[in-house]
Amino acid sequence: MNVLIFNGATDTRPEATSNRLAAYLSDALTEKGLATEIFSLAEKQIPFFSMPEAAKKPESVTAMLEAFGKADLQIWMTPLYHGSMTGAMKNCLDWLELTSKHQRPYLTGKVVALLSWADGTQAMQGINAMDAVAKALRAWVLPYSLPILKDNLYDPQTSGFTAFYKTKLDMMVSLLYAAQSHVTAGITA
């Protein structure tokens, strides 16, 4: 089963929170025998969505649509930007409109886990924004989301993730892993 880790941040630094979270999740999912792909917006050059551009379907968008299409399990992650997900992330998701005529349009039947982080205590706003979009795209949202208070994410002694957040990330991975049987049943039904 394929898992897409959709990194909605635009920070390319390896030590950036987004890249560290994506790597941790990828490693944890791989340990469970799942194939992962990290789709990092910072590297993909997805153009602004518009219907005239959609007719041209840039190569970067074709690759994005393939990545979202082949992954039945997904993790969407974003820093909180002014009460929502990043604009680049929302723009990328808008390109899924090109799948509207497919047999299984948008993200029909796919399971999406959500996590967001913020410097303050408002990370849940990012999750709520992603939740609304995931449901509009006909995905099933994992009933366990992870709002992260960035000040508590890192252990000051080790610079790694705190045990508190590792436990939460591992719980998300376990629940997503368990969801694969439901996805498989839905596909074959």
N, C-alpha and C. Protein backbone atom coordinates (compact mmCIF):
# COMPACT_ATOMS: atom_id res chain seq x y z
N MET A 1 0.86 -1.18 0.00
CA MET A 1 0.00 0.00 0.00
C MET A 1 0.89 1.23 0.00
N ASN A 2 0.52 2.22 -0.78
CA ASN A 2 1.29 3.46 -0.92
C ASN A 2 0.76 4.54 0.00
N VAL A 3 1.67 5.25 0.63
CA VAL A 3 1.33 6.37 1.51
C VAL A 3 2.01 7.62 0.97
N LEU A 4 1.23 8.66 0.78
CA LEU A 4 1.77 9.95 0.36
C LEU A 4 1.86 10.85 1.58
N ILE A 5 3.04 11.39 1.83
CA ILE A 5 3.22 12.39 2.87
C ILE A 5 3.28 13.73 2.15
N PHE A 6 2.21 14.49 2.27
CA PHE A 6 2.06 15.76 1.56
C PHE A 6 2.56 16.87 2.47
N ASN A 7 3.77 17.36 2.20
CA ASN A 7 4.41 18.40 2.98
C ASN A 7 4.02 19.76 2.39
N GLY A 8 3.11 20.44 3.03
CA GLY A 8 2.59 21.70 2.53
C GLY A 8 3.44 22.91 2.85
N ALA A 9 4.57 22.72 3.50
CA ALA A 9 5.46 23.83 3.81
C ALA A 9 6.33 24.15 2.60
N THR A 10 6.86 25.35 2.57
CA THR A 10 7.71 25.75 1.45
C THR A 10 9.16 25.94 1.88
N ASP A 11 9.52 25.40 3.02
CA ASP A 11 10.87 25.51 3.57
C ASP A 11 11.71 24.33 3.09
N THR A 12 12.82 24.60 2.44
CA THR A 12 13.66 23.53 1.89
C THR A 12 14.78 23.09 2.82
N ARG A 13 14.97 23.77 3.93
CA ARG A 13 16.07 23.40 4.84
C ARG A 13 15.83 22.00 5.41
N PRO A 14 16.83 21.13 5.40
CA PRO A 14 16.66 19.77 5.95
C PRO A 14 16.24 19.78 7.41
N GLU A 15 16.69 20.78 8.17
CA GLU A 15 16.37 20.84 9.60
C GLU A 15 15.02 21.52 9.89
N ALA A 16 14.32 21.95 8.85
CA ALA A 16 13.02 22.57 9.03
C ALA A 16 12.04 21.58 9.66
N THR A 17 11.15 22.08 10.48
CA THR A 17 10.16 21.22 11.15
C THR A 17 9.43 20.34 10.15
N SER A 18 9.01 20.89 9.04
CA SER A 18 8.25 20.12 8.05
C SER A 18 9.05 18.93 7.53
N ASN A 19 10.30 19.15 7.22
CA ASN A 19 11.13 18.08 6.67
C ASN A 19 11.49 17.03 7.72
N ARG A 20 11.68 17.46 8.95
CA ARG A 20 11.96 16.51 10.03
C ARG A 20 10.73 15.66 10.33
N LEU A 21 9.55 16.28 10.33
CA LEU A 21 8.31 15.51 10.56
C LEU A 21 8.08 14.52 9.42
N ALA A 22 8.26 14.97 8.19
CA ALA A 22 8.05 14.09 7.03
C ALA A 22 9.00 12.89 7.09
N ALA A 23 10.25 13.12 7.44
CA ALA A 23 11.23 12.03 7.53
C ALA A 23 10.86 11.06 8.64
N TYR A 24 10.43 11.58 9.79
CA TYR A 24 10.05 10.71 10.91
C TYR A 24 8.86 9.83 10.50
N LEU A 25 7.85 10.44 9.90
CA LEU A 25 6.66 9.69 9.49
C LEU A 25 7.01 8.66 8.41
N SER A 26 7.83 9.04 7.47
CA SER A 26 8.23 8.12 6.41
C SER A 26 8.95 6.90 7.00
N ASP A 27 9.87 7.15 7.92
CA ASP A 27 10.59 6.04 8.56
C ASP A 27 9.64 5.12 9.32
N ALA A 28 8.71 5.71 10.08
CA ALA A 28 7.77 4.91 10.88
C ALA A 28 6.85 4.08 9.99
N LEU A 29 6.41 4.64 8.88
CA LEU A 29 5.54 3.91 7.95
C LEU A 29 6.31 2.81 7.22
N THR A 30 7.53 3.10 6.85
CA THR A 30 8.38 2.11 6.18
C THR A 30 8.64 0.91 7.10
N GLU A 31 8.83 1.19 8.38
CA GLU A 31 9.02 0.11 9.36
C GLU A 31 7.81 -0.81 9.42
N LYS A 32 6.64 -0.30 9.08
CA LYS A 32 5.41 -1.11 9.07
C LYS A 32 5.20 -1.79 7.71
N GLY A 33 6.15 -1.62 6.81
CA GLY A 33 6.07 -2.29 5.52
C GLY A 33 5.30 -1.53 4.45
N LEU A 34 5.03 -0.25 4.68
CA LEU A 34 4.31 0.55 3.70
C LEU A 34 5.29 1.35 2.85
N ALA A 35 4.97 1.50 1.59
CA ALA A 35 5.78 2.31 0.68
C ALA A 35 5.38 3.77 0.83
N THR A 36 6.36 4.64 1.01
CA THR A 36 6.04 6.06 1.20
C THR A 36 6.65 6.92 0.10
N GLU A 37 5.98 8.02 -0.13
CA GLU A 37 6.51 9.07 -1.00
C GLU A 37 6.28 10.39 -0.30
N ILE A 38 7.33 11.18 -0.17
CA ILE A 38 7.18 12.52 0.39
C ILE A 38 7.01 13.48 -0.77
N PHE A 39 5.87 14.14 -0.80
CA PHE A 39 5.59 15.15 -1.83
C PHE A 39 5.78 16.50 -1.16
N SER A 40 6.92 17.12 -1.41
CA SER A 40 7.27 18.38 -0.77
C SER A 40 7.02 19.54 -1.73
N LEU A 41 6.10 20.40 -1.39
CA LEU A 41 5.77 21.53 -2.27
C LEU A 41 6.96 22.43 -2.56
N ALA A 42 7.87 22.52 -1.62
CA ALA A 42 9.04 23.38 -1.81
C ALA A 42 9.87 22.96 -3.02
N GLU A 43 9.75 21.71 -3.42
CA GLU A 43 10.56 21.19 -4.53
C GLU A 43 9.77 20.98 -5.82
N LYS A 44 8.47 21.14 -5.82
CA LYS A 44 7.65 20.67 -6.94
C LYS A 44 7.25 21.73 -7.97
N GLN A 45 7.35 22.99 -7.65
CA GLN A 45 7.03 24.06 -8.60
C GLN A 45 5.64 23.90 -9.23
N ILE A 46 4.64 23.79 -8.38
CA ILE A 46 3.26 23.71 -8.85
C ILE A 46 2.80 25.13 -9.17
N PRO A 47 2.37 25.40 -10.40
CA PRO A 47 1.94 26.76 -10.76
C PRO A 47 0.57 27.10 -10.14
N PHE A 48 0.23 28.37 -10.20
CA PHE A 48 -1.09 28.77 -9.73
C PHE A 48 -2.15 28.08 -10.56
N PHE A 49 -3.20 27.61 -9.88
CA PHE A 49 -4.29 26.93 -10.59
C PHE A 49 -5.18 27.95 -11.28
N SER A 50 -5.46 27.69 -12.53
CA SER A 50 -6.47 28.44 -13.27
C SER A 50 -6.94 27.53 -14.40
N MET A 51 -8.15 27.69 -14.83
CA MET A 51 -8.68 26.81 -15.87
C MET A 51 -7.88 26.92 -17.18
N PRO A 52 -7.43 28.10 -17.61
CA PRO A 52 -6.59 28.13 -18.82
C PRO A 52 -5.30 27.33 -18.64
N GLU A 53 -4.66 27.43 -17.45
CA GLU A 53 -3.46 26.65 -17.17
C GLU A 53 -3.78 25.16 -17.12
N ALA A 54 -4.98 24.84 -16.60
CA ALA A 54 -5.37 23.44 -16.47
C ALA A 54 -5.40 22.75 -17.83
N ALA A 55 -5.78 23.47 -18.85
CA ALA A 55 -5.83 22.89 -20.20
C ALA A 55 -4.43 22.48 -20.67
N LYS A 56 -3.40 23.19 -20.20
CA LYS A 56 -2.02 22.88 -20.58
C LYS A 56 -1.45 21.73 -19.74
N LYS A 57 -1.94 21.54 -18.53
CA LYS A 57 -1.50 20.54 -17.56
C LYS A 57 0.03 20.40 -17.53
N PRO A 58 0.68 21.30 -16.79
CA PRO A 58 2.13 21.27 -16.69
C PRO A 58 2.64 19.92 -16.16
N GLU A 59 3.87 19.59 -16.51
CA GLU A 59 4.47 18.32 -16.11
C GLU A 59 4.49 18.14 -14.59
N SER A 60 4.75 19.23 -13.86
CA SER A 60 4.77 19.14 -12.39
C SER A 60 3.39 18.76 -11.85
N VAL A 61 2.35 19.24 -12.50
CA VAL A 61 0.98 18.91 -12.07
C VAL A 61 0.66 17.46 -12.42
N THR A 62 1.08 16.99 -13.58
CA THR A 62 0.87 15.59 -13.95
C THR A 62 1.50 14.67 -12.92
N ALA A 63 2.73 14.97 -12.50
CA ALA A 63 3.41 14.17 -11.47
C ALA A 63 2.66 14.24 -10.15
N MET A 64 2.16 15.42 -9.80
CA MET A 64 1.40 15.58 -8.56
C MET A 64 0.14 14.74 -8.59
N LEU A 65 -0.61 14.80 -9.69
CA LEU A 65 -1.85 14.04 -9.81
C LEU A 65 -1.59 12.54 -9.71
N GLU A 66 -0.49 12.09 -10.30
CA GLU A 66 -0.12 10.67 -10.20
C GLU A 66 0.20 10.27 -8.77
N ALA A 67 0.93 11.13 -8.06
CA ALA A 67 1.30 10.83 -6.67
C ALA A 67 0.05 10.74 -5.79
N PHE A 68 -0.87 11.67 -5.95
CA PHE A 68 -2.09 11.65 -5.14
C PHE A 68 -2.98 10.48 -5.55
N GLY A 69 -2.98 10.14 -6.82
CA GLY A 69 -3.83 9.06 -7.31
C GLY A 69 -3.40 7.68 -6.87
N LYS A 70 -2.11 7.44 -6.80
CA LYS A 70 -1.64 6.09 -6.46
C LYS A 70 -1.59 5.82 -4.96
N ALA A 71 -1.70 6.86 -4.14
CA ALA A 71 -1.61 6.69 -2.69
C ALA A 71 -3.01 6.64 -2.08
N ASP A 72 -3.36 5.49 -1.53
CA ASP A 72 -4.67 5.37 -0.88
C ASP A 72 -4.65 5.89 0.55
N LEU A 73 -3.49 5.99 1.13
CA LEU A 73 -3.32 6.58 2.46
C LEU A 73 -2.45 7.82 2.30
N GLN A 74 -2.85 8.89 2.99
CA GLN A 74 -2.10 10.14 2.86
C GLN A 74 -1.98 10.81 4.22
N ILE A 75 -0.91 11.54 4.39
CA ILE A 75 -0.74 12.43 5.55
C ILE A 75 -0.51 13.82 4.98
N TRP A 76 -1.38 14.74 5.36
CA TRP A 76 -1.21 16.13 4.96
C TRP A 76 -0.67 16.88 6.16
N MET A 77 0.33 17.71 5.93
CA MET A 77 0.93 18.46 7.02
C MET A 77 1.27 19.88 6.57
N THR A 78 1.01 20.83 7.47
CA THR A 78 1.25 22.23 7.14
C THR A 78 1.56 23.04 8.39
N PRO A 79 2.42 24.05 8.24
CA PRO A 79 2.51 25.03 9.32
C PRO A 79 1.26 25.90 9.27
N LEU A 80 0.90 26.47 10.38
CA LEU A 80 -0.24 27.38 10.41
C LEU A 80 0.19 28.73 9.84
N TYR A 81 -0.50 29.16 8.79
CA TYR A 81 -0.24 30.48 8.20
C TYR A 81 -1.51 31.30 8.33
N HIS A 82 -1.51 32.27 9.19
CA HIS A 82 -2.63 33.19 9.36
C HIS A 82 -3.97 32.46 9.48
N GLY A 83 -3.99 31.43 10.31
CA GLY A 83 -5.23 30.73 10.61
C GLY A 83 -5.60 29.63 9.64
N SER A 84 -4.69 29.20 8.78
CA SER A 84 -5.04 28.19 7.79
C SER A 84 -3.79 27.42 7.34
N MET A 85 -3.99 26.58 6.32
CA MET A 85 -2.86 25.91 5.68
C MET A 85 -2.13 26.91 4.80
N THR A 86 -0.97 26.54 4.30
CA THR A 86 -0.25 27.44 3.42
C THR A 86 -1.04 27.65 2.12
N GLY A 87 -0.89 28.79 1.53
CA GLY A 87 -1.56 29.06 0.25
C GLY A 87 -1.07 28.12 -0.84
N ALA A 88 0.22 27.79 -0.81
CA ALA A 88 0.78 26.87 -1.80
C ALA A 88 0.13 25.50 -1.69
N MET A 89 -0.17 25.07 -0.48
CA MET A 89 -0.82 23.78 -0.27
C MET A 89 -2.23 23.79 -0.84
N LYS A 90 -2.99 24.83 -0.53
CA LYS A 90 -4.36 24.92 -1.04
C LYS A 90 -4.35 24.99 -2.56
N ASN A 91 -3.44 25.75 -3.12
CA ASN A 91 -3.32 25.84 -4.58
C ASN A 91 -3.05 24.47 -5.19
N CYS A 92 -2.15 23.72 -4.59
CA CYS A 92 -1.83 22.38 -5.09
C CYS A 92 -3.07 21.49 -5.07
N LEU A 93 -3.80 21.52 -3.97
CA LEU A 93 -5.02 20.71 -3.86
C LEU A 93 -6.07 21.13 -4.88
N ASP A 94 -6.10 22.40 -5.25
CA ASP A 94 -7.05 22.86 -6.27
C ASP A 94 -6.83 22.17 -7.61
N TRP A 95 -5.58 21.76 -7.90
CA TRP A 95 -5.29 21.07 -9.16
C TRP A 95 -5.98 19.71 -9.24
N LEU A 96 -6.42 19.16 -8.12
CA LEU A 96 -7.14 17.89 -8.14
C LEU A 96 -8.47 18.01 -8.89
N GLU A 97 -8.87 19.23 -9.19
CA GLU A 97 -10.07 19.45 -10.01
C GLU A 97 -9.94 18.73 -11.36
N LEU A 98 -8.72 18.55 -11.82
CA LEU A 98 -8.52 17.87 -13.10
C LEU A 98 -8.93 16.41 -13.06
N THR A 99 -9.18 15.87 -11.87
CA THR A 99 -9.61 14.47 -11.75
C THR A 99 -11.13 14.34 -11.64
N SER A 100 -11.83 15.43 -11.77
CA SER A 100 -13.28 15.43 -11.54
C SER A 100 -14.06 14.49 -12.44
N LYS A 101 -13.53 14.14 -13.59
CA LYS A 101 -14.23 13.25 -14.53
C LYS A 101 -13.72 11.81 -14.46
N HIS A 102 -12.76 11.54 -13.56
CA HIS A 102 -12.25 10.18 -13.41
C HIS A 102 -13.32 9.26 -12.82
N GLN A 103 -13.13 7.96 -12.99
CA GLN A 103 -14.07 6.99 -12.41
C GLN A 103 -14.16 7.17 -10.89
N ARG A 104 -13.01 7.38 -10.25
CA ARG A 104 -12.96 7.72 -8.82
C ARG A 104 -12.41 9.14 -8.72
N PRO A 105 -13.28 10.15 -8.81
CA PRO A 105 -12.79 11.53 -8.86
C PRO A 105 -12.16 12.00 -7.54
N TYR A 106 -11.35 13.01 -7.67
CA TYR A 106 -10.71 13.67 -6.54
C TYR A 106 -9.95 12.66 -5.68
N LEU A 107 -10.31 12.54 -4.42
CA LEU A 107 -9.65 11.60 -3.51
C LEU A 107 -10.67 10.59 -2.97
N THR A 108 -11.62 10.23 -3.77
CA THR A 108 -12.69 9.33 -3.35
C THR A 108 -12.12 8.06 -2.72
N GLY A 109 -12.56 7.79 -1.49
CA GLY A 109 -12.18 6.57 -0.79
C GLY A 109 -10.81 6.56 -0.15
N LYS A 110 -10.05 7.61 -0.31
CA LYS A 110 -8.70 7.64 0.28
C LYS A 110 -8.80 8.13 1.73
N VAL A 111 -7.87 7.68 2.56
CA VAL A 111 -7.84 8.09 3.96
C VAL A 111 -6.72 9.11 4.14
N VAL A 112 -7.06 10.22 4.76
CA VAL A 112 -6.11 11.31 4.95
C VAL A 112 -5.96 11.61 6.44
N ALA A 113 -4.73 11.58 6.92
CA ALA A 113 -4.41 12.00 8.29
C ALA A 113 -3.91 13.44 8.22
N LEU A 114 -4.19 14.22 9.25
CA LEU A 114 -3.87 15.65 9.23
C LEU A 114 -3.01 16.05 10.42
N LEU A 115 -1.99 16.86 10.14
CA LEU A 115 -1.24 17.46 11.23
C LEU A 115 -0.79 18.86 10.85
N SER A 116 -0.77 19.72 11.87
CA SER A 116 -0.38 21.11 11.66
C SER A 116 0.41 21.56 12.88
N TRP A 117 1.30 22.51 12.69
CA TRP A 117 2.06 23.04 13.81
C TRP A 117 2.04 24.55 13.77
N ALA A 118 2.20 25.13 14.97
CA ALA A 118 2.18 26.58 15.11
C ALA A 118 3.06 26.99 16.28
N ASP A 119 3.50 28.24 16.25
CA ASP A 119 4.28 28.76 17.37
C ASP A 119 3.39 28.94 18.60
N GLY A 120 2.12 29.23 18.39
CA GLY A 120 1.17 29.38 19.48
C GLY A 120 0.28 28.15 19.57
N THR A 121 -0.88 28.33 20.15
CA THR A 121 -1.77 27.19 20.42
C THR A 121 -2.89 27.06 19.41
N GLN A 122 -2.74 27.60 18.22
CA GLN A 122 -3.84 27.63 17.26
C GLN A 122 -3.68 26.63 16.10
N ALA A 123 -2.83 25.63 16.22
CA ALA A 123 -2.57 24.69 15.12
C ALA A 123 -3.84 23.97 14.66
N MET A 124 -4.83 23.86 15.53
CA MET A 124 -6.07 23.17 15.15
C MET A 124 -6.76 23.90 13.99
N GLN A 125 -6.54 25.19 13.87
CA GLN A 125 -7.13 25.93 12.74
C GLN A 125 -6.62 25.40 11.41
N GLY A 126 -5.35 25.06 11.34
CA GLY A 126 -4.79 24.48 10.12
C GLY A 126 -5.42 23.13 9.82
N ILE A 127 -5.64 22.34 10.86
CA ILE A 127 -6.28 21.04 10.69
C ILE A 127 -7.72 21.22 10.22
N ASN A 128 -8.43 22.16 10.79
CA ASN A 128 -9.82 22.40 10.37
C ASN A 128 -9.89 22.80 8.90
N ALA A 129 -8.95 23.62 8.45
CA ALA A 129 -8.92 24.04 7.04
C ALA A 129 -8.65 22.84 6.13
N MET A 130 -7.67 22.01 6.50
CA MET A 130 -7.38 20.83 5.69
C MET A 130 -8.54 19.83 5.72
N ASP A 131 -9.18 19.70 6.87
CA ASP A 131 -10.32 18.79 7.01
C ASP A 131 -11.44 19.16 6.03
N ALA A 132 -11.72 20.44 5.94
CA ALA A 132 -12.79 20.90 5.04
C ALA A 132 -12.44 20.57 3.58
N VAL A 133 -11.19 20.78 3.20
CA VAL A 133 -10.78 20.50 1.82
C VAL A 133 -10.77 19.00 1.56
N ALA A 134 -10.25 18.21 2.49
CA ALA A 134 -10.21 16.75 2.30
C ALA A 134 -11.63 16.20 2.10
N LYS A 135 -12.56 16.66 2.88
CA LYS A 135 -13.95 16.19 2.75
C LYS A 135 -14.57 16.67 1.44
N ALA A 136 -14.25 17.88 1.03
CA ALA A 136 -14.76 18.38 -0.25
C ALA A 136 -14.21 17.55 -1.41
N LEU A 137 -13.02 16.98 -1.21
CA LEU A 137 -12.41 16.13 -2.23
C LEU A 137 -12.78 14.66 -2.05
N ARG A 138 -13.77 14.38 -1.21
CA ARG A 138 -14.35 13.05 -0.99
C ARG A 138 -13.43 12.06 -0.31
N ALA A 139 -12.47 12.56 0.45
CA ALA A 139 -11.58 11.68 1.22
C ALA A 139 -12.19 11.40 2.59
N TRP A 140 -11.76 10.32 3.20
CA TRP A 140 -12.09 10.01 4.58
C TRP A 140 -10.96 10.55 5.44
N VAL A 141 -11.31 11.34 6.44
CA VAL A 141 -10.30 11.91 7.32
C VAL A 141 -10.13 11.00 8.53
N LEU A 142 -8.88 10.62 8.79
CA LEU A 142 -8.57 9.79 9.95
C LEU A 142 -9.10 10.50 11.19
N PRO A 143 -9.82 9.80 12.07
CA PRO A 143 -10.40 10.48 13.24
C PRO A 143 -9.38 10.71 14.35
N TYR A 144 -8.16 11.04 13.97
CA TYR A 144 -7.10 11.38 14.91
C TYR A 144 -6.20 12.36 14.19
N SER A 145 -6.29 13.62 14.59
CA SER A 145 -5.47 14.67 13.99
C SER A 145 -4.46 15.13 15.02
N LEU A 146 -3.42 15.77 14.55
CA LEU A 146 -2.36 16.16 15.46
C LEU A 146 -2.01 17.64 15.34
N PRO A 147 -2.58 18.48 16.22
CA PRO A 147 -2.14 19.88 16.30
C PRO A 147 -0.89 19.95 17.17
N ILE A 148 0.14 20.56 16.68
CA ILE A 148 1.43 20.58 17.37
C ILE A 148 1.77 21.99 17.83
N LEU A 149 2.06 22.12 19.11
CA LEU A 149 2.60 23.36 19.67
C LEU A 149 4.11 23.29 19.48
N LYS A 150 4.61 24.04 18.53
CA LYS A 150 6.01 23.90 18.11
C LYS A 150 6.99 24.08 19.27
N ASP A 151 6.67 24.94 20.24
CA ASP A 151 7.56 25.14 21.38
C ASP A 151 7.75 23.86 22.19
N ASN A 152 6.79 22.94 22.12
CA ASN A 152 6.87 21.69 22.88
C ASN A 152 7.27 20.49 22.01
N LEU A 153 7.51 20.71 20.73
CA LEU A 153 7.84 19.61 19.83
C LEU A 153 9.26 19.09 20.03
N TYR A 154 10.19 19.98 20.31
CA TYR A 154 11.60 19.62 20.41
C TYR A 154 12.08 19.51 21.85
N ASP A 155 12.84 18.47 22.11
CA ASP A 155 13.48 18.27 23.41
C ASP A 155 14.69 19.20 23.48
N PRO A 156 14.74 20.11 24.46
CA PRO A 156 15.86 21.05 24.51
C PRO A 156 17.22 20.38 24.75
N GLN A 157 17.22 19.17 25.32
CA GLN A 157 18.47 18.46 25.59
C GLN A 157 19.04 17.79 24.34
N THR A 158 18.15 17.21 23.52
CA THR A 158 18.60 16.41 22.38
C THR A 158 18.34 17.05 21.02
N SER A 159 17.48 18.06 20.97
CA SER A 159 17.02 18.70 19.74
C SER A 159 16.14 17.78 18.89
N GLY A 160 15.88 16.57 19.39
CA GLY A 160 14.95 15.66 18.72
C GLY A 160 13.53 15.93 19.18
N PHE A 161 12.60 15.16 18.66
CA PHE A 161 11.21 15.32 19.09
C PHE A 161 11.05 14.84 20.54
N THR A 162 10.16 15.48 21.27
CA THR A 162 9.90 15.06 22.64
C THR A 162 9.18 13.71 22.64
N ALA A 163 9.28 12.99 23.73
CA ALA A 163 8.59 11.70 23.87
C ALA A 163 7.09 11.90 23.71
N PHE A 164 6.57 13.01 24.21
CA PHE A 164 5.14 13.32 24.11
C PHE A 164 4.69 13.32 22.65
N TYR A 165 5.40 14.03 21.80
CA TYR A 165 5.00 14.11 20.40
C TYR A 165 5.37 12.86 19.60
N LYS A 166 6.45 12.18 19.97
CA LYS A 166 6.75 10.91 19.30
C LYS A 166 5.60 9.92 19.51
N THR A 167 5.06 9.90 20.73
CA THR A 167 3.93 9.01 21.02
C THR A 167 2.74 9.37 20.15
N LYS A 168 2.48 10.64 19.98
CA LYS A 168 1.34 11.07 19.16
C LYS A 168 1.57 10.77 17.67
N LEU A 169 2.78 11.01 17.19
CA LEU A 169 3.10 10.69 15.80
C LEU A 169 2.99 9.19 15.55
N ASP A 170 3.48 8.40 16.49
CA ASP A 170 3.40 6.95 16.36
C ASP A 170 1.95 6.46 16.39
N MET A 171 1.11 7.12 17.18
CA MET A 171 -0.31 6.77 17.22
C MET A 171 -0.95 7.05 15.86
N MET A 172 -0.61 8.18 15.26
CA MET A 172 -1.15 8.50 13.94
C MET A 172 -0.74 7.45 12.92
N VAL A 173 0.52 7.06 12.95
CA VAL A 173 1.02 6.04 12.03
C VAL A 173 0.29 4.72 12.25
N SER A 174 0.10 4.32 13.49
CA SER A 174 -0.60 3.06 13.80
C SER A 174 -2.04 3.09 13.31
N LEU A 175 -2.72 4.19 13.53
CA LEU A 175 -4.11 4.30 13.08
C LEU A 175 -4.21 4.32 11.56
N LEU A 176 -3.29 4.99 10.92
CA LEU A 176 -3.28 5.01 9.45
C LEU A 176 -2.97 3.62 8.91
N TYR A 177 -2.05 2.93 9.55
CA TYR A 177 -1.73 1.55 9.16
C TYR A 177 -2.97 0.66 9.30
N ALA A 178 -3.70 0.81 10.39
CA ALA A 178 -4.92 0.02 10.59
C ALA A 178 -6.00 0.37 9.56
N ALA A 179 -6.00 1.60 9.08
CA ALA A 179 -7.00 2.04 8.11
C ALA A 179 -6.82 1.39 6.75
N GLN A 180 -5.63 0.85 6.48
CA GLN A 180 -5.39 0.27 5.15
C GLN A 180 -6.32 -0.88 4.86
N SER A 181 -6.72 -1.64 5.88
CA SER A 181 -7.65 -2.76 5.62
C SER A 181 -9.01 -2.25 5.20
N HIS A 182 -9.43 -1.10 5.71
CA HIS A 182 -10.71 -0.51 5.31
C HIS A 182 -10.64 0.03 3.88
N VAL A 183 -9.49 0.60 3.53
CA VAL A 183 -9.31 1.11 2.17
C VAL A 183 -9.33 -0.05 1.19
N THR A 184 -8.60 -1.10 1.50
CA THR A 184 -8.56 -2.26 0.62
C THR A 184 -9.94 -2.87 0.45
N ALA A 185 -10.69 -2.97 1.54
CA ALA A 185 -12.05 -3.51 1.47
C ALA A 185 -12.95 -2.64 0.59
N GLY A 186 -12.77 -1.32 0.70
CA GLY A 186 -13.58 -0.39 -0.11
C GLY A 186 -13.25 -0.46 -1.59
N ILE A 187 -11.98 -0.71 -1.90
CA ILE A 187 -11.55 -0.77 -3.29
C ILE A 187 -12.08 -2.04 -3.95
N THR A 188 -12.08 -3.15 -3.22
CA THR A 188 -12.48 -4.41 -3.81
C THR A 188 -13.98 -4.65 -3.71
N ALA A 189 -14.67 -3.85 -2.97
CA ALA A 189 -16.12 -4.06 -2.79
C ALA A 189 -16.90 -3.62 -4.02
